[in-house]
Amino acid sequence: MRSLVLVSLVCCLAGALGCDQREPPPSNDTENERVLAEVAATHARYQAVLEPFLAALAARQPHAAYALLAPVYQNMVSEASFARRIGQNKNFEQQPSVKVLSTSSTAGTTKVRVVLGALGLAEVTFLEGPAGPRISGLTLAGAPALPAPE
């Protein structure tokens, strides 16, 4: 009889302790939506510079593309040199679609990993300036795609 009472007491105690465990709070959908909106806005900011840059190159309008390059790049590569040499890059004959995958920023420089349609994975380096982000580098499959300083 004593062991039956003891077993009953242990079962009740175990049941009570098991019921006392709290479930984790449900995820905060509002916070998730806020974070997703912030990421989308960040991606859109860089896409808004990259798409017109690529459109200008495909339309053979190097002046418009050059205007979207960072001043530090423009200081090293003249517009005439850029126009002459970028026209030889067959990768820019057609405007690719742009899908931003990720961004990584450090001290005013942002690396943006993108998929450029059939051209595949690319990395674009942006510098922040008074006019907003401007392109200072572009690599396709790890190879530089913008003309280097002469």
N, C-alpha and C. Protein backbone atom coordinates (compact mmCIF):
# COMPACT_ATOMS: atom_id res chain seq x y z
N MET A 1 0.82 -1.18 0.00
CA MET A 1 0.00 0.00 0.00
C MET A 1 0.87 1.26 0.00
N ARG A 2 1.90 1.16 0.82
CA ARG A 2 2.80 2.29 0.90
C ARG A 2 3.48 2.56 -0.46
N SER A 3 3.90 1.54 -1.17
CA SER A 3 4.54 1.72 -2.46
C SER A 3 3.54 2.25 -3.49
N LEU A 4 2.29 1.89 -3.39
CA LEU A 4 1.27 2.39 -4.31
C LEU A 4 1.08 3.89 -4.11
N VAL A 5 1.08 4.33 -2.88
CA VAL A 5 0.94 5.75 -2.58
C VAL A 5 2.17 6.50 -3.09
N LEU A 6 3.34 5.90 -2.87
CA LEU A 6 4.58 6.53 -3.32
C LEU A 6 4.61 6.64 -4.84
N VAL A 7 4.20 5.59 -5.53
CA VAL A 7 4.17 5.61 -7.00
C VAL A 7 3.16 6.66 -7.46
N SER A 8 2.03 6.74 -6.84
CA SER A 8 1.00 7.72 -7.21
C SER A 8 1.52 9.13 -7.00
N LEU A 9 2.22 9.34 -5.88
CA LEU A 9 2.77 10.66 -5.59
C LEU A 9 3.83 11.05 -6.62
N VAL A 10 4.70 10.11 -6.99
CA VAL A 10 5.73 10.38 -7.99
C VAL A 10 5.07 10.70 -9.34
N CYS A 11 4.05 9.97 -9.73
CA CYS A 11 3.37 10.21 -11.00
C CYS A 11 2.70 11.58 -11.01
N CYS A 12 2.06 11.94 -9.90
CA CYS A 12 1.42 13.25 -9.82
C CYS A 12 2.45 14.37 -9.90
N LEU A 13 3.56 14.19 -9.19
CA LEU A 13 4.61 15.19 -9.20
C LEU A 13 5.22 15.32 -10.60
N ALA A 14 5.48 14.21 -11.26
CA ALA A 14 6.03 14.23 -12.62
C ALA A 14 5.04 14.90 -13.57
N GLY A 15 3.78 14.60 -13.44
CA GLY A 15 2.75 15.21 -14.29
C GLY A 15 2.67 16.70 -14.07
N ALA A 16 2.74 17.12 -12.81
CA ALA A 16 2.67 18.54 -12.51
C ALA A 16 3.87 19.28 -13.07
N LEU A 17 5.04 18.69 -12.94
CA LEU A 17 6.24 19.33 -13.47
C LEU A 17 6.20 19.38 -15.00
N GLY A 18 5.71 18.33 -15.60
CA GLY A 18 5.61 18.28 -17.06
C GLY A 18 4.64 19.33 -17.58
N CYS A 19 3.59 19.62 -16.87
CA CYS A 19 2.61 20.61 -17.29
C CYS A 19 3.13 22.02 -17.08
N ASP A 20 4.10 22.17 -16.17
CA ASP A 20 4.60 23.49 -15.85
C ASP A 20 5.54 24.03 -16.92
N GLN A 21 6.03 23.17 -17.82
CA GLN A 21 6.94 23.65 -18.85
C GLN A 21 6.18 24.53 -19.82
N ARG A 22 6.75 25.68 -20.08
CA ARG A 22 6.06 26.64 -20.95
C ARG A 22 6.53 26.48 -22.38
N GLU A 23 5.62 26.66 -23.28
CA GLU A 23 5.96 26.60 -24.70
C GLU A 23 6.61 27.92 -25.10
N PRO A 24 7.53 27.86 -26.06
CA PRO A 24 8.15 29.11 -26.50
C PRO A 24 7.08 30.04 -27.08
N PRO A 25 7.26 31.34 -26.93
CA PRO A 25 6.26 32.26 -27.47
C PRO A 25 6.21 32.14 -28.99
N PRO A 26 5.07 32.38 -29.57
CA PRO A 26 4.98 32.31 -31.03
C PRO A 26 5.88 33.39 -31.65
N SER A 27 6.36 33.12 -32.89
CA SER A 27 7.25 34.08 -33.55
C SER A 27 6.50 35.38 -33.80
N ASN A 28 7.24 36.44 -33.81
CA ASN A 28 6.67 37.76 -34.00
C ASN A 28 6.62 38.05 -35.50
N ASP A 29 5.46 37.83 -36.11
CA ASP A 29 5.32 38.02 -37.55
C ASP A 29 5.57 39.46 -37.96
N THR A 30 5.20 40.40 -37.13
CA THR A 30 5.41 41.80 -37.45
C THR A 30 6.90 42.12 -37.53
N GLU A 31 7.68 41.58 -36.61
CA GLU A 31 9.13 41.79 -36.63
C GLU A 31 9.74 41.16 -37.88
N ASN A 32 9.31 39.95 -38.21
CA ASN A 32 9.81 39.28 -39.42
C ASN A 32 9.49 40.10 -40.67
N GLU A 33 8.28 40.62 -40.74
CA GLU A 33 7.88 41.42 -41.89
C GLU A 33 8.71 42.70 -41.97
N ARG A 34 9.00 43.31 -40.83
CA ARG A 34 9.80 44.52 -40.79
C ARG A 34 11.22 44.24 -41.31
N VAL A 35 11.81 43.14 -40.87
CA VAL A 35 13.16 42.78 -41.30
C VAL A 35 13.18 42.48 -42.80
N LEU A 36 12.20 41.74 -43.28
CA LEU A 36 12.13 41.44 -44.71
C LEU A 36 11.97 42.71 -45.54
N ALA A 37 11.17 43.65 -45.06
CA ALA A 37 10.99 44.91 -45.77
C ALA A 37 12.29 45.72 -45.79
N GLU A 38 13.03 45.69 -44.70
CA GLU A 38 14.30 46.40 -44.63
C GLU A 38 15.32 45.80 -45.60
N VAL A 39 15.37 44.48 -45.67
CA VAL A 39 16.28 43.81 -46.61
C VAL A 39 15.88 44.14 -48.05
N ALA A 40 14.59 44.09 -48.34
CA ALA A 40 14.12 44.40 -49.70
C ALA A 40 14.46 45.84 -50.08
N ALA A 41 14.32 46.78 -49.14
CA ALA A 41 14.65 48.19 -49.42
C ALA A 41 16.14 48.35 -49.68
N THR A 42 16.97 47.64 -48.92
CA THR A 42 18.42 47.71 -49.12
C THR A 42 18.79 47.16 -50.50
N HIS A 43 18.24 46.02 -50.85
CA HIS A 43 18.52 45.42 -52.16
C HIS A 43 18.05 46.35 -53.28
N ALA A 44 16.87 46.95 -53.11
CA ALA A 44 16.31 47.82 -54.15
C ALA A 44 17.19 49.05 -54.38
N ARG A 45 17.82 49.54 -53.33
CA ARG A 45 18.69 50.72 -53.41
C ARG A 45 19.86 50.47 -54.38
N TYR A 46 20.45 49.31 -54.33
CA TYR A 46 21.58 48.99 -55.21
C TYR A 46 21.10 48.57 -56.59
N GLN A 47 19.98 47.88 -56.64
CA GLN A 47 19.42 47.46 -57.91
C GLN A 47 19.02 48.70 -58.73
N ALA A 48 18.59 49.76 -58.06
CA ALA A 48 18.18 51.00 -58.73
C ALA A 48 19.35 51.70 -59.41
N VAL A 49 20.56 51.38 -59.06
CA VAL A 49 21.75 51.93 -59.74
C VAL A 49 22.25 50.93 -60.78
N LEU A 50 22.26 49.67 -60.44
CA LEU A 50 22.82 48.65 -61.33
C LEU A 50 21.98 48.46 -62.59
N GLU A 51 20.67 48.43 -62.47
CA GLU A 51 19.82 48.21 -63.66
C GLU A 51 19.99 49.30 -64.71
N PRO A 52 19.95 50.60 -64.34
CA PRO A 52 20.17 51.62 -65.37
C PRO A 52 21.59 51.60 -65.94
N PHE A 53 22.55 51.21 -65.12
CA PHE A 53 23.94 51.09 -65.61
C PHE A 53 24.01 50.03 -66.71
N LEU A 54 23.44 48.87 -66.45
CA LEU A 54 23.45 47.78 -67.44
C LEU A 54 22.60 48.13 -68.66
N ALA A 55 21.49 48.83 -68.44
CA ALA A 55 20.63 49.25 -69.56
C ALA A 55 21.39 50.22 -70.47
N ALA A 56 22.13 51.14 -69.86
CA ALA A 56 22.91 52.10 -70.66
C ALA A 56 23.98 51.39 -71.47
N LEU A 57 24.63 50.40 -70.87
CA LEU A 57 25.66 49.65 -71.61
C LEU A 57 25.04 48.89 -72.78
N ALA A 58 23.89 48.24 -72.54
CA ALA A 58 23.23 47.48 -73.61
C ALA A 58 22.75 48.40 -74.73
N ALA A 59 22.37 49.63 -74.38
CA ALA A 59 21.89 50.60 -75.37
C ALA A 59 23.04 51.36 -76.03
N ARG A 60 24.29 51.00 -75.69
CA ARG A 60 25.47 51.66 -76.23
C ARG A 60 25.46 53.16 -75.89
N GLN A 61 25.15 53.43 -74.62
CA GLN A 61 25.16 54.80 -74.10
C GLN A 61 26.18 54.89 -72.96
N PRO A 62 27.46 54.85 -73.29
CA PRO A 62 28.49 54.81 -72.25
C PRO A 62 28.49 56.05 -71.35
N HIS A 63 28.06 57.19 -71.87
CA HIS A 63 28.03 58.41 -71.04
C HIS A 63 27.07 58.22 -69.86
N ALA A 64 25.89 57.65 -70.13
CA ALA A 64 24.91 57.42 -69.06
C ALA A 64 25.44 56.40 -68.05
N ALA A 65 26.12 55.37 -68.54
CA ALA A 65 26.70 54.36 -67.64
C ALA A 65 27.81 54.97 -66.81
N TYR A 66 28.66 55.78 -67.43
CA TYR A 66 29.80 56.39 -66.76
C TYR A 66 29.33 57.28 -65.61
N ALA A 67 28.20 57.93 -65.77
CA ALA A 67 27.65 58.81 -64.73
C ALA A 67 27.29 58.03 -63.46
N LEU A 68 27.10 56.72 -63.57
CA LEU A 68 26.74 55.89 -62.41
C LEU A 68 27.96 55.24 -61.75
N LEU A 69 29.14 55.59 -62.24
CA LEU A 69 30.37 55.06 -61.65
C LEU A 69 30.84 55.98 -60.52
N ALA A 70 31.51 55.40 -59.55
CA ALA A 70 32.01 56.15 -58.40
C ALA A 70 33.08 57.15 -58.84
N PRO A 71 33.13 58.31 -58.20
CA PRO A 71 34.16 59.30 -58.55
C PRO A 71 35.58 58.74 -58.48
N VAL A 72 35.86 57.87 -57.53
CA VAL A 72 37.21 57.31 -57.43
C VAL A 72 37.55 56.49 -58.69
N TYR A 73 36.59 55.80 -59.26
CA TYR A 73 36.81 55.07 -60.52
C TYR A 73 36.99 56.07 -61.66
N GLN A 74 36.13 57.10 -61.70
CA GLN A 74 36.22 58.10 -62.75
C GLN A 74 37.56 58.84 -62.71
N ASN A 75 38.15 58.98 -61.53
CA ASN A 75 39.45 59.63 -61.41
C ASN A 75 40.57 58.79 -62.04
N MET A 76 40.35 57.50 -62.16
CA MET A 76 41.39 56.60 -62.69
C MET A 76 41.16 56.22 -64.15
N VAL A 77 39.90 56.25 -64.59
CA VAL A 77 39.56 55.85 -65.96
C VAL A 77 38.75 56.97 -66.59
N SER A 78 39.27 57.58 -67.63
CA SER A 78 38.55 58.68 -68.28
C SER A 78 37.29 58.16 -68.96
N GLU A 79 36.37 59.06 -69.21
CA GLU A 79 35.12 58.65 -69.87
C GLU A 79 35.39 58.14 -71.29
N ALA A 80 36.32 58.77 -71.98
CA ALA A 80 36.65 58.33 -73.35
C ALA A 80 37.24 56.92 -73.33
N SER A 81 38.13 56.66 -72.39
CA SER A 81 38.73 55.34 -72.28
C SER A 81 37.67 54.30 -71.89
N PHE A 82 36.82 54.67 -70.96
CA PHE A 82 35.74 53.77 -70.54
C PHE A 82 34.84 53.43 -71.73
N ALA A 83 34.41 54.46 -72.45
CA ALA A 83 33.50 54.25 -73.59
C ALA A 83 34.13 53.36 -74.65
N ARG A 84 35.38 53.62 -74.96
CA ARG A 84 36.07 52.83 -76.00
C ARG A 84 36.19 51.36 -75.58
N ARG A 85 36.59 51.14 -74.35
CA ARG A 85 36.88 49.76 -73.93
C ARG A 85 35.64 48.98 -73.48
N ILE A 86 34.66 49.64 -72.88
CA ILE A 86 33.48 48.90 -72.42
C ILE A 86 32.67 48.42 -73.63
N GLY A 87 32.75 49.15 -74.74
CA GLY A 87 32.06 48.73 -75.96
C GLY A 87 32.59 47.43 -76.53
N GLN A 88 33.80 47.06 -76.15
CA GLN A 88 34.40 45.80 -76.62
C GLN A 88 34.00 44.61 -75.76
N ASN A 89 33.37 44.86 -74.62
CA ASN A 89 32.98 43.77 -73.71
C ASN A 89 31.62 43.22 -74.16
N LYS A 90 31.64 42.06 -74.77
CA LYS A 90 30.42 41.46 -75.32
C LYS A 90 29.42 41.03 -74.24
N ASN A 91 29.86 40.96 -72.99
CA ASN A 91 28.95 40.60 -71.91
C ASN A 91 27.83 41.62 -71.74
N PHE A 92 28.04 42.84 -72.20
CA PHE A 92 27.06 43.90 -71.98
C PHE A 92 26.26 44.25 -73.23
N GLU A 93 26.25 43.36 -74.23
CA GLU A 93 25.51 43.63 -75.45
C GLU A 93 24.00 43.59 -75.23
N GLN A 94 23.56 42.81 -74.25
CA GLN A 94 22.14 42.74 -73.90
C GLN A 94 22.00 43.00 -72.41
N GLN A 95 20.90 43.63 -72.06
CA GLN A 95 20.68 43.94 -70.64
C GLN A 95 20.20 42.68 -69.91
N PRO A 96 20.96 42.23 -68.94
CA PRO A 96 20.53 41.05 -68.18
C PRO A 96 19.54 41.44 -67.08
N SER A 97 18.78 40.46 -66.65
CA SER A 97 17.95 40.69 -65.46
C SER A 97 18.89 40.77 -64.26
N VAL A 98 18.44 41.42 -63.20
CA VAL A 98 19.26 41.60 -62.00
C VAL A 98 18.51 41.05 -60.80
N LYS A 99 19.15 40.13 -60.10
CA LYS A 99 18.58 39.61 -58.85
C LYS A 99 19.64 39.78 -57.77
N VAL A 100 19.36 40.65 -56.80
CA VAL A 100 20.29 40.86 -55.70
C VAL A 100 20.14 39.70 -54.71
N LEU A 101 21.28 39.09 -54.38
CA LEU A 101 21.28 37.98 -53.42
C LEU A 101 21.63 38.43 -52.01
N SER A 102 22.66 39.28 -51.90
CA SER A 102 23.10 39.71 -50.57
C SER A 102 23.93 40.97 -50.67
N THR A 103 24.06 41.64 -49.53
CA THR A 103 24.91 42.82 -49.44
C THR A 103 25.78 42.70 -48.19
N SER A 104 26.94 43.31 -48.26
CA SER A 104 27.86 43.33 -47.13
C SER A 104 28.57 44.68 -47.14
N SER A 105 28.40 45.46 -46.08
CA SER A 105 28.95 46.82 -46.05
C SER A 105 30.03 46.97 -45.00
N THR A 106 31.07 47.74 -45.36
CA THR A 106 32.14 48.09 -44.45
C THR A 106 32.66 49.46 -44.83
N ALA A 107 32.61 50.39 -43.89
CA ALA A 107 33.23 51.72 -44.04
C ALA A 107 32.91 52.41 -45.37
N GLY A 108 31.65 52.48 -45.73
CA GLY A 108 31.25 53.19 -46.94
C GLY A 108 31.36 52.41 -48.23
N THR A 109 31.81 51.17 -48.16
CA THR A 109 31.90 50.31 -49.34
C THR A 109 30.94 49.14 -49.14
N THR A 110 30.15 48.86 -50.17
CA THR A 110 29.20 47.75 -50.09
C THR A 110 29.46 46.78 -51.24
N LYS A 111 29.63 45.52 -50.89
CA LYS A 111 29.75 44.44 -51.88
C LYS A 111 28.36 43.84 -52.05
N VAL A 112 27.91 43.76 -53.28
CA VAL A 112 26.58 43.24 -53.58
C VAL A 112 26.74 42.03 -54.49
N ARG A 113 26.28 40.88 -54.01
CA ARG A 113 26.29 39.66 -54.83
C ARG A 113 24.97 39.60 -55.58
N VAL A 114 25.07 39.42 -56.90
CA VAL A 114 23.90 39.42 -57.76
C VAL A 114 23.98 38.29 -58.78
N VAL A 115 22.83 37.96 -59.31
CA VAL A 115 22.76 37.09 -60.49
C VAL A 115 22.34 38.00 -61.63
N LEU A 116 23.16 38.03 -62.67
CA LEU A 116 22.89 38.86 -63.84
C LEU A 116 22.43 37.96 -64.99
N GLY A 117 21.20 37.52 -64.91
CA GLY A 117 20.62 36.69 -65.96
C GLY A 117 21.54 35.55 -66.36
N ALA A 118 21.72 35.38 -67.67
CA ALA A 118 22.55 34.30 -68.20
C ALA A 118 24.04 34.49 -67.91
N LEU A 119 24.44 35.72 -67.54
CA LEU A 119 25.85 35.96 -67.19
C LEU A 119 26.21 35.28 -65.88
N GLY A 120 25.23 35.01 -65.06
CA GLY A 120 25.46 34.29 -63.81
C GLY A 120 25.83 35.18 -62.64
N LEU A 121 26.56 34.59 -61.71
CA LEU A 121 26.91 35.26 -60.47
C LEU A 121 27.92 36.37 -60.70
N ALA A 122 27.66 37.50 -60.07
CA ALA A 122 28.56 38.65 -60.17
C ALA A 122 28.65 39.31 -58.81
N GLU A 123 29.72 40.09 -58.64
CA GLU A 123 29.86 40.90 -57.44
C GLU A 123 30.10 42.33 -57.87
N VAL A 124 29.30 43.23 -57.32
CA VAL A 124 29.40 44.64 -57.66
C VAL A 124 29.82 45.38 -56.39
N THR A 125 30.82 46.23 -56.52
CA THR A 125 31.26 47.04 -55.39
C THR A 125 30.71 48.45 -55.58
N PHE A 126 30.05 48.94 -54.54
CA PHE A 126 29.49 50.28 -54.54
C PHE A 126 30.19 51.12 -53.48
N LEU A 127 30.39 52.40 -53.79
CA LEU A 127 30.88 53.36 -52.81
C LEU A 127 29.75 54.33 -52.51
N GLU A 128 29.59 54.66 -51.25
CA GLU A 128 28.57 55.63 -50.86
C GLU A 128 29.12 57.03 -51.04
N GLY A 129 28.31 57.91 -51.60
CA GLY A 129 28.72 59.29 -51.79
C GLY A 129 27.52 60.21 -51.69
N PRO A 130 27.71 61.49 -51.92
CA PRO A 130 26.61 62.45 -51.81
C PRO A 130 25.45 62.13 -52.75
N ALA A 131 25.74 61.54 -53.91
CA ALA A 131 24.69 61.20 -54.88
C ALA A 131 24.11 59.81 -54.63
N GLY A 132 24.51 59.17 -53.53
CA GLY A 132 24.05 57.82 -53.24
C GLY A 132 25.09 56.80 -53.69
N PRO A 133 24.70 55.53 -53.76
CA PRO A 133 25.68 54.52 -54.14
C PRO A 133 26.09 54.65 -55.60
N ARG A 134 27.38 54.46 -55.84
CA ARG A 134 27.93 54.47 -57.20
C ARG A 134 28.85 53.28 -57.36
N ILE A 135 28.90 52.73 -58.58
CA ILE A 135 29.64 51.51 -58.87
C ILE A 135 31.14 51.81 -58.98
N SER A 136 31.93 51.02 -58.26
CA SER A 136 33.39 51.18 -58.38
C SER A 136 34.07 49.90 -58.88
N GLY A 137 33.33 48.82 -58.96
CA GLY A 137 33.89 47.57 -59.46
C GLY A 137 32.80 46.58 -59.80
N LEU A 138 33.09 45.71 -60.76
CA LEU A 138 32.14 44.67 -61.18
C LEU A 138 32.93 43.47 -61.63
N THR A 139 32.66 42.32 -61.04
CA THR A 139 33.30 41.09 -61.49
C THR A 139 32.25 40.10 -61.93
N LEU A 140 32.55 39.39 -63.00
CA LEU A 140 31.71 38.31 -63.52
C LEU A 140 32.51 37.03 -63.39
N ALA A 141 31.98 36.07 -62.66
CA ALA A 141 32.67 34.80 -62.45
C ALA A 141 34.10 35.02 -61.94
N GLY A 142 34.27 36.05 -61.12
CA GLY A 142 35.56 36.33 -60.53
C GLY A 142 36.51 37.16 -61.37
N ALA A 143 36.13 37.47 -62.61
CA ALA A 143 36.98 38.27 -63.50
C ALA A 143 36.49 39.70 -63.57
N PRO A 144 37.40 40.69 -63.52
CA PRO A 144 36.98 42.08 -63.61
C PRO A 144 36.27 42.34 -64.95
N ALA A 145 35.13 43.04 -64.89
CA ALA A 145 34.37 43.29 -66.10
C ALA A 145 34.41 44.75 -66.54
N LEU A 146 34.89 45.65 -65.67
CA LEU A 146 35.03 47.05 -66.05
C LEU A 146 36.46 47.32 -66.50
N PRO A 147 36.63 48.30 -67.38
CA PRO A 147 38.00 48.62 -67.82
C PRO A 147 38.87 49.05 -66.63
N ALA A 148 40.07 48.53 -66.60
CA ALA A 148 41.04 48.88 -65.56
C ALA A 148 41.76 50.18 -65.94
N PRO A 149 42.31 50.88 -64.97
CA PRO A 149 43.08 52.08 -65.30
C PRO A 149 44.22 51.74 -66.25
N GLU A 150 44.47 52.65 -67.19
CA GLU A 150 45.56 52.44 -68.16
C GLU A 150 46.86 52.98 -67.60
